[in-house]
Amino acid sequence: MTDPNRPRSREDYARGLPDHHDPTAGLGGAAPARSALTLRLVLAAFGAVVCVLGGLGWLGTDLPTWPAVVLFVFGAIAVVDLVVIARRKARGEPG
């Protein structure tokens, strides 16, 4: 990978990115660290569902609406994170 401006391929991610150093690689026979994209995907999906359902449930009460708005904002942030993760996984990043 000599040209830093060209798009990265799946093989580039499999070989490892330039200037990446895992200080724990090889310690005690440990495997190299891997990206946790799948875990992040599951947690973002869970957060989006919980925040949207919690916000809708909050709106059904006689309490102030600002906590529901906060939950909807958190849900929107989780949805944006889902899109970012899906793009990274489609690009071929491991994890």
N, C-alpha and C. Protein backbone atom coordinates (compact mmCIF):
# COMPACT_ATOMS: atom_id res chain seq x y z
N MET A 1 0.84 -1.16 0.00
CA MET A 1 0.00 0.00 0.00
C MET A 1 0.89 1.23 0.00
N THR A 2 1.35 1.61 -1.17
CA THR A 2 2.28 2.73 -1.26
C THR A 2 1.58 4.06 -1.46
N ASP A 3 0.42 4.08 -2.10
CA ASP A 3 -0.30 5.32 -2.35
C ASP A 3 -1.33 5.55 -1.24
N PRO A 4 -1.13 6.56 -0.39
CA PRO A 4 -2.07 6.77 0.72
C PRO A 4 -3.43 7.30 0.27
N ASN A 5 -3.55 7.78 -0.97
CA ASN A 5 -4.81 8.37 -1.43
C ASN A 5 -5.75 7.37 -2.08
N ARG A 6 -5.27 6.17 -2.39
CA ARG A 6 -6.15 5.21 -3.04
C ARG A 6 -7.06 4.55 -2.01
N PRO A 7 -8.27 4.15 -2.42
CA PRO A 7 -9.18 3.49 -1.48
C PRO A 7 -8.60 2.16 -0.99
N ARG A 8 -8.88 1.85 0.26
CA ARG A 8 -8.36 0.60 0.82
C ARG A 8 -9.24 -0.56 0.41
N SER A 9 -8.60 -1.71 0.23
CA SER A 9 -9.33 -2.92 -0.16
C SER A 9 -9.42 -3.85 1.05
N ARG A 10 -10.16 -4.94 0.86
CA ARG A 10 -10.27 -5.93 1.95
C ARG A 10 -8.90 -6.51 2.29
N GLU A 11 -8.05 -6.69 1.30
CA GLU A 11 -6.72 -7.24 1.54
C GLU A 11 -5.88 -6.29 2.39
N ASP A 12 -6.07 -4.98 2.18
CA ASP A 12 -5.33 -4.01 2.99
C ASP A 12 -5.72 -4.14 4.46
N TYR A 13 -7.01 -4.31 4.72
CA TYR A 13 -7.45 -4.47 6.10
C TYR A 13 -6.98 -5.80 6.68
N ALA A 14 -6.92 -6.83 5.85
CA ALA A 14 -6.47 -8.14 6.33
C ALA A 14 -4.98 -8.09 6.69
N ARG A 15 -4.19 -7.34 5.92
CA ARG A 15 -2.76 -7.22 6.21
C ARG A 15 -2.50 -6.31 7.40
N GLY A 16 -3.40 -5.40 7.66
CA GLY A 16 -3.20 -4.41 8.72
C GLY A 16 -2.93 -3.05 8.11
N LEU A 17 -3.40 -2.05 8.78
CA LEU A 17 -3.24 -0.70 8.27
C LEU A 17 -1.86 -0.16 8.61
N PRO A 18 -1.32 0.75 7.78
CA PRO A 18 0.00 1.30 8.08
C PRO A 18 -0.03 2.13 9.36
N ASP A 19 1.09 2.13 10.04
CA ASP A 19 1.26 2.87 11.29
C ASP A 19 0.37 2.36 12.41
N HIS A 20 -0.19 1.17 12.26
CA HIS A 20 -0.97 0.59 13.35
C HIS A 20 -0.05 -0.27 14.18
N HIS A 21 -0.07 -0.02 15.47
CA HIS A 21 0.76 -0.81 16.37
C HIS A 21 -0.09 -1.29 17.53
N ASP A 22 -0.13 -2.58 17.70
CA ASP A 22 -0.86 -3.17 18.82
C ASP A 22 0.16 -3.55 19.89
N PRO A 23 0.23 -2.79 20.97
CA PRO A 23 1.26 -3.06 21.98
C PRO A 23 1.07 -4.41 22.69
N THR A 24 -0.13 -4.99 22.61
CA THR A 24 -0.36 -6.26 23.30
C THR A 24 -0.19 -7.45 22.37
N ALA A 25 0.10 -7.23 21.10
CA ALA A 25 0.23 -8.34 20.15
C ALA A 25 1.39 -9.23 20.55
N GLY A 26 1.12 -10.50 20.68
CA GLY A 26 2.16 -11.47 20.97
C GLY A 26 2.49 -11.63 22.44
N LEU A 27 1.92 -10.85 23.32
CA LEU A 27 2.20 -11.00 24.75
C LEU A 27 1.54 -12.27 25.27
N GLY A 28 2.31 -13.14 25.79
CA GLY A 28 1.77 -14.36 26.37
C GLY A 28 1.05 -15.24 25.35
N GLY A 29 1.40 -15.12 24.08
CA GLY A 29 0.76 -15.92 23.04
C GLY A 29 -0.63 -15.42 22.67
N ALA A 30 -0.96 -14.18 23.04
CA ALA A 30 -2.28 -13.63 22.75
C ALA A 30 -2.41 -13.33 21.26
N ALA A 31 -3.62 -13.52 20.78
CA ALA A 31 -3.89 -13.18 19.38
C ALA A 31 -3.93 -11.66 19.23
N PRO A 32 -3.67 -11.15 18.02
CA PRO A 32 -3.75 -9.70 17.82
C PRO A 32 -5.16 -9.18 18.09
N ALA A 33 -5.23 -7.96 18.53
CA ALA A 33 -6.53 -7.36 18.83
C ALA A 33 -7.35 -7.21 17.55
N ARG A 34 -8.66 -7.36 17.67
CA ARG A 34 -9.56 -7.23 16.53
C ARG A 34 -10.54 -6.10 16.80
N SER A 35 -11.07 -5.57 15.73
CA SER A 35 -12.07 -4.52 15.85
C SER A 35 -13.35 -5.11 16.41
N ALA A 36 -14.08 -4.33 17.16
CA ALA A 36 -15.33 -4.79 17.76
C ALA A 36 -16.52 -4.18 17.04
N LEU A 37 -16.48 -4.16 15.71
CA LEU A 37 -17.57 -3.54 14.96
C LEU A 37 -18.90 -4.26 15.16
N THR A 38 -18.87 -5.57 15.23
CA THR A 38 -20.12 -6.31 15.39
C THR A 38 -20.73 -6.04 16.76
N LEU A 39 -19.91 -5.99 17.79
CA LEU A 39 -20.41 -5.66 19.13
C LEU A 39 -20.97 -4.24 19.13
N ARG A 40 -20.26 -3.33 18.49
CA ARG A 40 -20.73 -1.94 18.42
C ARG A 40 -22.06 -1.86 17.66
N LEU A 41 -22.21 -2.68 16.62
CA LEU A 41 -23.45 -2.73 15.86
C LEU A 41 -24.61 -3.20 16.74
N VAL A 42 -24.40 -4.25 17.50
CA VAL A 42 -25.45 -4.78 18.37
C VAL A 42 -25.82 -3.77 19.46
N LEU A 43 -24.82 -3.14 20.06
CA LEU A 43 -25.10 -2.17 21.11
C LEU A 43 -25.81 -0.93 20.58
N ALA A 44 -25.45 -0.48 19.38
CA ALA A 44 -26.13 0.69 18.80
C ALA A 44 -27.57 0.35 18.46
N ALA A 45 -27.82 -0.86 17.93
CA ALA A 45 -29.19 -1.26 17.62
C ALA A 45 -30.02 -1.34 18.91
N PHE A 46 -29.45 -1.92 19.95
CA PHE A 46 -30.14 -2.01 21.23
C PHE A 46 -30.44 -0.62 21.78
N GLY A 47 -29.46 0.28 21.72
CA GLY A 47 -29.66 1.64 22.20
C GLY A 47 -30.73 2.38 21.43
N ALA A 48 -30.76 2.20 20.11
CA ALA A 48 -31.77 2.88 19.29
C ALA A 48 -33.17 2.39 19.66
N VAL A 49 -33.34 1.09 19.80
CA VAL A 49 -34.66 0.53 20.12
C VAL A 49 -35.11 0.98 21.51
N VAL A 50 -34.21 0.88 22.49
CA VAL A 50 -34.57 1.25 23.86
C VAL A 50 -34.90 2.74 23.95
N CYS A 51 -34.11 3.58 23.29
CA CYS A 51 -34.36 5.02 23.36
C CYS A 51 -35.67 5.41 22.69
N VAL A 52 -35.96 4.84 21.52
CA VAL A 52 -37.20 5.18 20.83
C VAL A 52 -38.41 4.67 21.61
N LEU A 53 -38.35 3.43 22.07
CA LEU A 53 -39.48 2.90 22.84
C LEU A 53 -39.64 3.63 24.17
N GLY A 54 -38.53 3.96 24.81
CA GLY A 54 -38.60 4.72 26.06
C GLY A 54 -39.18 6.11 25.85
N GLY A 55 -38.79 6.75 24.75
CA GLY A 55 -39.34 8.07 24.45
C GLY A 55 -40.82 8.02 24.15
N LEU A 56 -41.24 7.00 23.41
CA LEU A 56 -42.67 6.86 23.12
C LEU A 56 -43.45 6.55 24.40
N GLY A 57 -42.88 5.72 25.25
CA GLY A 57 -43.53 5.42 26.52
C GLY A 57 -43.62 6.63 27.42
N TRP A 58 -42.58 7.45 27.39
CA TRP A 58 -42.58 8.67 28.21
C TRP A 58 -43.65 9.65 27.74
N LEU A 59 -43.83 9.73 26.41
CA LEU A 59 -44.85 10.64 25.88
C LEU A 59 -46.26 10.23 26.29
N GLY A 60 -46.45 8.96 26.62
CA GLY A 60 -47.76 8.48 27.03
C GLY A 60 -48.12 8.82 28.46
N THR A 61 -47.23 9.49 29.16
CA THR A 61 -47.50 9.86 30.56
C THR A 61 -47.80 11.35 30.65
N ASP A 62 -48.14 11.80 31.85
CA ASP A 62 -48.41 13.22 32.09
C ASP A 62 -47.17 13.97 32.56
N LEU A 63 -46.01 13.35 32.43
CA LEU A 63 -44.75 13.97 32.86
C LEU A 63 -44.26 14.95 31.80
N PRO A 64 -43.28 15.79 32.13
CA PRO A 64 -42.74 16.74 31.14
C PRO A 64 -42.17 16.00 29.92
N THR A 65 -42.19 16.66 28.76
CA THR A 65 -41.78 15.99 27.52
C THR A 65 -40.29 16.08 27.24
N TRP A 66 -39.54 16.91 27.96
CA TRP A 66 -38.14 17.06 27.61
C TRP A 66 -37.33 15.76 27.76
N PRO A 67 -37.61 14.88 28.74
CA PRO A 67 -36.86 13.61 28.76
C PRO A 67 -37.13 12.75 27.52
N ALA A 68 -38.35 12.80 27.00
CA ALA A 68 -38.64 12.04 25.79
C ALA A 68 -37.85 12.59 24.61
N VAL A 69 -37.72 13.91 24.54
CA VAL A 69 -36.93 14.52 23.47
C VAL A 69 -35.47 14.10 23.58
N VAL A 70 -34.94 14.06 24.80
CA VAL A 70 -33.56 13.61 25.01
C VAL A 70 -33.40 12.17 24.56
N LEU A 71 -34.36 11.32 24.88
CA LEU A 71 -34.29 9.91 24.45
C LEU A 71 -34.35 9.80 22.93
N PHE A 72 -35.18 10.61 22.28
CA PHE A 72 -35.24 10.59 20.82
C PHE A 72 -33.93 11.07 20.19
N VAL A 73 -33.28 12.04 20.81
CA VAL A 73 -31.97 12.50 20.30
C VAL A 73 -30.94 11.40 20.45
N PHE A 74 -30.93 10.72 21.58
CA PHE A 74 -30.01 9.59 21.76
C PHE A 74 -30.31 8.47 20.76
N GLY A 75 -31.57 8.23 20.50
CA GLY A 75 -31.95 7.24 19.49
C GLY A 75 -31.45 7.63 18.10
N ALA A 76 -31.55 8.91 17.77
CA ALA A 76 -31.06 9.38 16.47
C ALA A 76 -29.54 9.22 16.38
N ILE A 77 -28.84 9.49 17.46
CA ILE A 77 -27.39 9.31 17.47
C ILE A 77 -27.04 7.83 17.26
N ALA A 78 -27.80 6.94 17.88
CA ALA A 78 -27.56 5.50 17.70
C ALA A 78 -27.81 5.08 16.26
N VAL A 79 -28.82 5.66 15.61
CA VAL A 79 -29.10 5.33 14.21
C VAL A 79 -27.96 5.81 13.31
N VAL A 80 -27.43 7.00 13.59
CA VAL A 80 -26.28 7.49 12.81
C VAL A 80 -25.09 6.56 13.01
N ASP A 81 -24.87 6.10 14.24
CA ASP A 81 -23.79 5.15 14.50
C ASP A 81 -24.01 3.85 13.73
N LEU A 82 -25.26 3.39 13.65
CA LEU A 82 -25.55 2.18 12.86
C LEU A 82 -25.16 2.37 11.40
N VAL A 83 -25.44 3.53 10.84
CA VAL A 83 -25.09 3.79 9.44
C VAL A 83 -23.58 3.79 9.26
N VAL A 84 -22.86 4.42 10.18
CA VAL A 84 -21.40 4.46 10.09
C VAL A 84 -20.82 3.05 10.17
N ILE A 85 -21.31 2.26 11.09
CA ILE A 85 -20.82 0.89 11.26
C ILE A 85 -21.12 0.06 10.01
N ALA A 86 -22.32 0.19 9.47
CA ALA A 86 -22.69 -0.57 8.27
C ALA A 86 -21.79 -0.21 7.09
N ARG A 87 -21.46 1.07 6.95
CA ARG A 87 -20.57 1.49 5.86
C ARG A 87 -19.17 0.91 6.06
N ARG A 88 -18.68 0.91 7.30
CA ARG A 88 -17.35 0.36 7.56
C ARG A 88 -17.31 -1.15 7.30
N LYS A 89 -18.37 -1.86 7.71
CA LYS A 89 -18.39 -3.30 7.47
C LYS A 89 -18.53 -3.61 5.97
N ALA A 90 -19.31 -2.79 5.25
CA ALA A 90 -19.44 -2.99 3.81
C ALA A 90 -18.13 -2.73 3.08
N ARG A 91 -17.33 -1.85 3.64
CA ARG A 91 -16.02 -1.53 3.05
C ARG A 91 -15.04 -2.67 3.24
N GLY A 92 -15.33 -3.56 4.19
CA GLY A 92 -14.49 -4.73 4.36
C GLY A 92 -13.66 -4.74 5.62
N GLU A 93 -13.91 -3.83 6.53
CA GLU A 93 -13.13 -3.84 7.75
C GLU A 93 -13.49 -5.06 8.59
N PRO A 94 -12.51 -5.69 9.20
CA PRO A 94 -12.80 -6.88 10.00
C PRO A 94 -13.49 -6.52 11.30
N GLY A 95 -14.15 -7.49 11.89
CA GLY A 95 -14.74 -7.27 13.20
C GLY A 95 -16.17 -7.56 13.19
